[in-house]
């Protein structure tokens, strides 16, 4: 069993990956892919589709689950947000590859009660660029930057109303799945290969990588954001599909079958 998690820019990186994975194709009985972009890469390398298993990493739904009103209120208060705010967030390395810049552009197109949290270990030059854009756009009071590794992302998921995935490419992305299990609808770049998890108008939107499209999707999510029953339904459906209780047995069955071969 092998896995390739994400696309990386640059011909030398692509060539290295292709050599590495092609070398496994003759003897690997099953190749694991975490998203459909990776499936496309495998097939382009000549791997038969029937030898590819697509699955996310199991989400720990004992931690990532629909928050109680007290948990939600506490998480939002800690970040300085009011009940009436619509809180967007992007979690992961603050780097051009994650494209937090588009998140700021999106926020600038939305009303003032929309806020944005950017959290993760920083690329200092990129963070400096983002801070300049924030000031130039008069968004200082609407953006919170937490430039450190988040050891416990659960409070961010509890505080959030919308999770943004404007990345140029992604692996899982795990945080998006964790957010869904907390009842947070998501807006994603439709080209990164994870559209199987996002159903338009139900738990988020798949959109082109343009700020205008992200902002339009955020407006269309208003009804879901403020409807706790719909948010709870998102969390429950996501836990059934993405949670460890559901996926761990699938991993075990695949491994057991491979060991018998």
Protein backbone atom coordinates (compact mmCIF):
# COMPACT_ATOMS: atom_id res chain seq x y z
CA UNK A 1 0.00 0.00 0.00
CA UNK A 2 1.40 3.37 -1.02
CA UNK A 3 0.07 6.89 -0.88
CA UNK A 4 0.78 10.17 -2.63
CA UNK A 5 -0.77 13.04 -0.73
CA UNK A 6 -0.60 16.14 -2.87
CA UNK A 7 0.57 17.97 -5.94
CA UNK A 8 3.71 20.05 -5.54
CA UNK A 9 4.85 22.70 -7.95
CA UNK A 10 7.99 22.26 -10.00
CA UNK A 11 9.07 19.78 -12.65
CA UNK A 12 11.87 18.27 -10.54
CA UNK A 13 9.44 17.41 -7.73
CA UNK A 14 6.92 15.94 -10.16
CA UNK A 15 9.61 13.84 -11.87
CA UNK A 16 10.89 12.54 -8.53
CA UNK A 17 7.40 11.53 -7.42
CA UNK A 18 6.68 9.79 -10.70
CA UNK A 19 9.88 7.74 -10.53
CA UNK A 20 9.17 6.78 -6.93
CA UNK A 21 5.58 5.71 -7.46
CA UNK A 22 6.17 3.97 -10.77
CA UNK A 23 8.74 1.81 -8.98
CA UNK A 24 5.99 0.53 -6.65
CA UNK A 25 3.40 -0.25 -9.32
CA UNK A 26 4.76 -3.70 -10.21
CA UNK A 27 4.48 -5.11 -6.69
CA UNK A 28 2.00 -2.90 -4.79
CA UNK A 29 -1.36 -4.66 -4.63
CA UNK A 30 -3.28 -1.58 -3.61
CA UNK A 31 -2.46 2.10 -3.94
CA UNK A 32 -4.12 4.55 -1.57
CA UNK A 33 -5.16 8.02 -2.75
CA UNK A 34 -6.59 10.69 -0.47
CA UNK A 35 -8.32 12.65 -3.21
CA UNK A 36 -9.35 12.51 -6.87
CA UNK A 37 -6.47 14.67 -8.09
CA UNK A 38 -4.10 12.00 -6.83
CA UNK A 39 -6.18 9.33 -8.59
CA UNK A 40 -5.76 11.24 -11.84
CA UNK A 41 -2.01 11.36 -11.30
CA UNK A 42 -1.83 7.61 -10.67
CA UNK A 43 -3.86 6.82 -13.79
CA UNK A 44 -1.68 9.16 -15.87
CA UNK A 45 1.31 7.13 -14.66
CA UNK A 46 -0.32 3.97 -15.99
CA UNK A 47 -1.85 2.47 -12.83
CA UNK A 48 -5.17 0.65 -13.42
CA UNK A 49 -8.11 2.31 -11.66
CA UNK A 50 -9.13 -0.97 -10.01
CA UNK A 51 -5.91 -0.96 -7.98
CA UNK A 52 -6.60 2.46 -6.46
CA UNK A 53 -8.51 2.92 -3.23
CA UNK A 54 -9.73 6.45 -2.51
CA UNK A 55 -10.41 7.36 1.10
CA UNK A 56 -9.81 10.19 3.52
CA UNK A 57 -7.93 9.73 6.74
CA UNK A 58 -10.46 8.90 9.49
CA UNK A 59 -11.61 11.89 11.54
CA UNK A 60 -11.56 11.58 15.33
CA UNK A 61 -15.23 12.34 15.91
CA UNK A 62 -14.81 12.06 19.66
CA UNK A 63 -13.06 15.44 19.36
CA UNK A 64 -14.44 16.92 16.15
CA UNK A 65 -18.20 16.97 16.65
CA UNK A 66 -21.04 19.46 16.76
CA UNK A 67 -20.30 21.88 19.64
CA UNK A 68 -22.62 22.64 22.48
CA UNK A 69 -23.85 26.26 22.74
CA UNK A 70 -21.45 26.77 25.65
CA UNK A 71 -18.47 25.44 23.67
CA UNK A 72 -19.33 27.59 20.68
CA UNK A 73 -19.80 30.73 22.77
CA UNK A 74 -16.54 30.15 24.68
CA UNK A 75 -14.53 29.55 21.49
CA UNK A 76 -15.89 32.67 19.80
CA UNK A 77 -15.41 34.85 22.88
CA UNK A 78 -11.77 33.75 23.12
CA UNK A 79 -11.23 35.06 19.58
CA UNK A 80 -13.14 38.29 20.20
CA UNK A 81 -16.18 37.52 18.02
CA UNK A 82 -19.81 38.39 18.70
CA UNK A 83 -22.79 36.09 18.26
CA UNK A 84 -23.83 38.04 15.18
CA UNK A 85 -20.46 37.67 13.42
CA UNK A 86 -20.02 35.18 10.58
CA UNK A 87 -16.62 33.67 11.23
CA UNK A 88 -14.61 32.25 8.32
CA UNK A 89 -11.34 30.46 8.92
CA UNK A 90 -8.41 28.89 7.09
CA UNK A 91 -6.13 26.58 9.04
CA UNK A 92 -2.75 25.39 7.82
CA UNK A 93 0.67 26.75 7.02
CA UNK A 94 0.32 30.45 6.19
CA UNK A 95 1.95 30.25 2.79
CA UNK A 96 1.21 31.23 -0.80
CA UNK A 97 0.43 27.58 -1.59
CA UNK A 98 -2.50 27.76 0.85
CA UNK A 99 -3.57 31.04 -0.79
CA UNK A 100 -4.85 32.86 2.30
CA UNK A 101 -4.62 35.98 0.16
CA UNK A 102 -7.79 34.93 -1.63
CA UNK A 103 -9.51 34.58 1.75
CA UNK A 104 -8.73 38.24 2.46
CA UNK A 105 -9.94 39.26 -0.97
CA UNK A 106 -13.16 37.35 -0.32
CA UNK A 107 -13.67 39.04 3.04
CA UNK A 108 -13.32 42.49 1.42
CA UNK A 109 -16.38 41.68 -0.73
CA UNK A 110 -18.57 40.74 2.24
CA UNK A 111 -20.40 42.85 4.87
CA UNK A 112 -18.56 44.00 7.99
CA UNK A 113 -20.00 41.29 10.26
CA UNK A 114 -18.04 38.68 8.28
CA UNK A 115 -14.70 37.99 9.97
CA UNK A 116 -11.69 35.84 9.08
CA UNK A 117 -9.22 33.76 11.10
CA UNK A 118 -5.91 32.69 9.53
CA UNK A 119 -4.10 30.17 11.72
CA UNK A 120 -0.97 28.11 11.26
CA UNK A 121 2.83 28.20 11.17
CA UNK A 122 3.89 31.22 9.12
CA UNK A 123 6.04 31.95 6.15
CA UNK A 124 7.20 35.31 7.48
CA UNK A 125 7.46 37.06 4.11
CA UNK A 126 4.00 35.90 3.09
CA UNK A 127 2.47 36.93 6.43
CA UNK A 128 4.03 40.37 6.03
CA UNK A 129 2.41 40.64 2.59
CA UNK A 130 -0.97 39.62 4.01
CA UNK A 131 -0.70 42.20 6.79
CA UNK A 132 -0.02 44.93 4.24
CA UNK A 133 -3.05 43.89 2.22
CA UNK A 134 -5.20 43.84 5.36
CA UNK A 135 -4.19 47.40 6.22
CA UNK A 136 -4.62 48.64 2.66
CA UNK A 137 -8.11 47.09 2.57
CA UNK A 138 -9.12 48.53 5.98
CA UNK A 139 -9.73 45.03 7.34
CA UNK A 140 -7.64 45.27 10.52
CA UNK A 141 -10.68 44.82 12.76
CA UNK A 142 -12.04 41.91 10.76
CA UNK A 143 -9.02 39.60 10.41
CA UNK A 144 -7.33 37.60 13.17
CA UNK A 145 -3.95 36.05 12.37
CA UNK A 146 -2.69 33.30 14.68
CA UNK A 147 0.81 32.70 13.29
CA UNK A 148 1.69 29.53 15.15
CA UNK A 149 1.08 25.82 14.88
CA UNK A 150 -2.33 24.98 16.28
CA UNK A 151 -1.82 22.05 18.61
CA UNK A 152 -5.56 21.84 19.21
CA UNK A 153 -7.70 23.03 16.28
CA UNK A 154 -10.97 21.95 17.91
CA UNK A 155 -11.79 25.42 19.35
CA UNK A 156 -11.35 26.98 15.89
CA UNK A 157 -13.84 24.51 14.43
CA UNK A 158 -16.22 25.25 17.31
CA UNK A 159 -16.00 28.99 16.69
CA UNK A 160 -16.30 28.85 12.91
CA UNK A 161 -19.29 29.37 10.64
CA UNK A 162 -17.56 28.75 7.28
CA UNK A 163 -14.32 26.99 6.41
CA UNK A 164 -12.49 28.24 3.32
CA UNK A 165 -10.21 26.10 1.15
CA UNK A 166 -8.66 28.45 -1.45
CA UNK A 167 -5.51 26.29 -1.72
CA UNK A 168 -3.79 25.77 -5.05
CA UNK A 169 -3.66 22.03 -4.26
CA UNK A 170 -4.35 19.91 -1.20
CA UNK A 171 -3.82 16.48 0.29
CA UNK A 172 -6.93 15.61 2.34
CA UNK A 173 -7.42 18.28 3.43
CA UNK A 174 -7.89 16.91 6.94
CA UNK A 175 -8.99 20.17 8.53
CA UNK A 176 -11.81 20.57 6.02
CA UNK A 177 -13.15 17.14 6.98
CA UNK A 178 -12.80 17.94 10.68
CA UNK A 179 -14.70 21.18 10.15
CA UNK A 180 -17.52 19.30 8.41
CA UNK A 181 -17.74 16.91 11.36
CA UNK A 182 -18.20 19.98 13.57
CA UNK A 183 -21.09 21.17 11.40
CA UNK A 184 -19.13 23.89 9.59
CA UNK A 185 -20.06 24.28 5.89
CA UNK A 186 -17.12 24.70 3.54
CA UNK A 187 -16.25 26.59 0.36
CA UNK A 188 -13.52 24.97 -1.69
CA UNK A 189 -11.48 25.46 -4.82
CA UNK A 190 -13.26 23.06 -7.16
CA UNK A 191 -10.05 21.96 -8.88
CA UNK A 192 -8.19 20.40 -5.94
CA UNK A 193 -9.85 16.98 -6.11
CA UNK A 194 -12.01 16.88 -2.98
CA UNK A 195 -15.42 17.68 -4.47
CA UNK A 196 -16.64 14.20 -3.44
CA UNK A 197 -17.00 15.54 0.11
CA UNK A 198 -18.81 18.81 -0.65
CA UNK A 199 -22.37 18.88 -1.94
CA UNK A 200 -23.45 22.28 -3.25
CA UNK A 201 -26.08 23.93 -1.09
CA UNK A 202 -26.06 21.11 1.46
CA UNK A 203 -22.73 21.30 3.27
CA UNK A 204 -20.97 23.98 1.23
CA UNK A 205 -19.99 24.88 -2.32
CA UNK A 206 -17.39 23.91 -4.91
CA UNK A 207 -16.42 27.08 -6.77
CA UNK A 208 -13.79 28.47 -9.17
CA UNK A 209 -10.74 29.98 -7.52
CA UNK A 210 -11.96 33.58 -7.62
CA UNK A 211 -12.77 35.87 -4.70
CA UNK A 212 -16.08 36.87 -6.27
CA UNK A 213 -17.15 33.22 -6.46
CA UNK A 214 -16.10 32.53 -2.87
CA UNK A 215 -17.98 35.62 -1.66
CA UNK A 216 -21.10 34.65 -3.59
CA UNK A 217 -20.98 31.17 -2.05
CA UNK A 218 -20.61 32.68 1.43
CA UNK A 219 -23.76 34.73 0.87
CA UNK A 220 -25.61 31.63 -0.32
CA UNK A 221 -24.60 29.82 2.88
CA UNK A 222 -26.30 32.40 5.10
CA UNK A 223 -29.34 30.21 5.69
CA UNK A 224 -27.25 27.21 6.70
CA UNK A 225 -24.87 29.25 8.86
CA UNK A 226 -27.71 30.51 11.04
CA UNK A 227 -29.71 27.26 11.16
CA UNK A 228 -28.33 25.08 13.95
CA UNK A 229 -30.47 22.13 12.91
CA UNK A 230 -28.89 22.16 9.45
CA UNK A 231 -25.44 22.56 10.99
CA UNK A 232 -26.06 19.59 13.28
CA UNK A 233 -27.24 17.55 10.29
CA UNK A 234 -23.98 18.38 8.46
CA UNK A 235 -22.00 17.18 11.48
CA UNK A 236 -23.94 13.94 11.79
CA UNK A 237 -23.77 13.06 8.09
CA UNK A 238 -20.09 13.89 7.95
CA UNK A 239 -19.31 11.78 11.01
CA UNK A 240 -21.07 8.80 9.44
CA UNK A 241 -19.00 9.08 6.24
CA UNK A 242 -15.68 10.45 7.47
CA UNK A 243 -15.33 9.34 11.08
CA UNK A 244 -13.01 6.68 12.46
CA UNK A 245 -15.88 4.35 13.54
CA UNK A 246 -16.91 4.07 9.89
CA UNK A 247 -13.54 4.11 8.14
CA UNK A 248 -11.31 2.11 10.50
CA UNK A 249 -13.09 -1.18 9.63
CA UNK A 250 -12.59 -0.41 5.92
CA UNK A 251 -8.86 0.07 6.45
CA UNK A 252 -8.77 -3.17 8.46
CA UNK A 253 -10.58 -5.12 5.74
CA UNK A 254 -8.24 -3.87 3.03
CA UNK A 255 -5.17 -4.73 5.08
CA UNK A 256 -6.52 -8.18 5.97
CA UNK A 257 -7.28 -8.90 2.30
CA UNK A 258 -3.81 -7.80 1.25
CA UNK A 259 -2.20 -10.02 3.87
CA UNK A 260 -4.10 -13.04 2.52
CA UNK A 261 -2.97 -12.42 -1.07
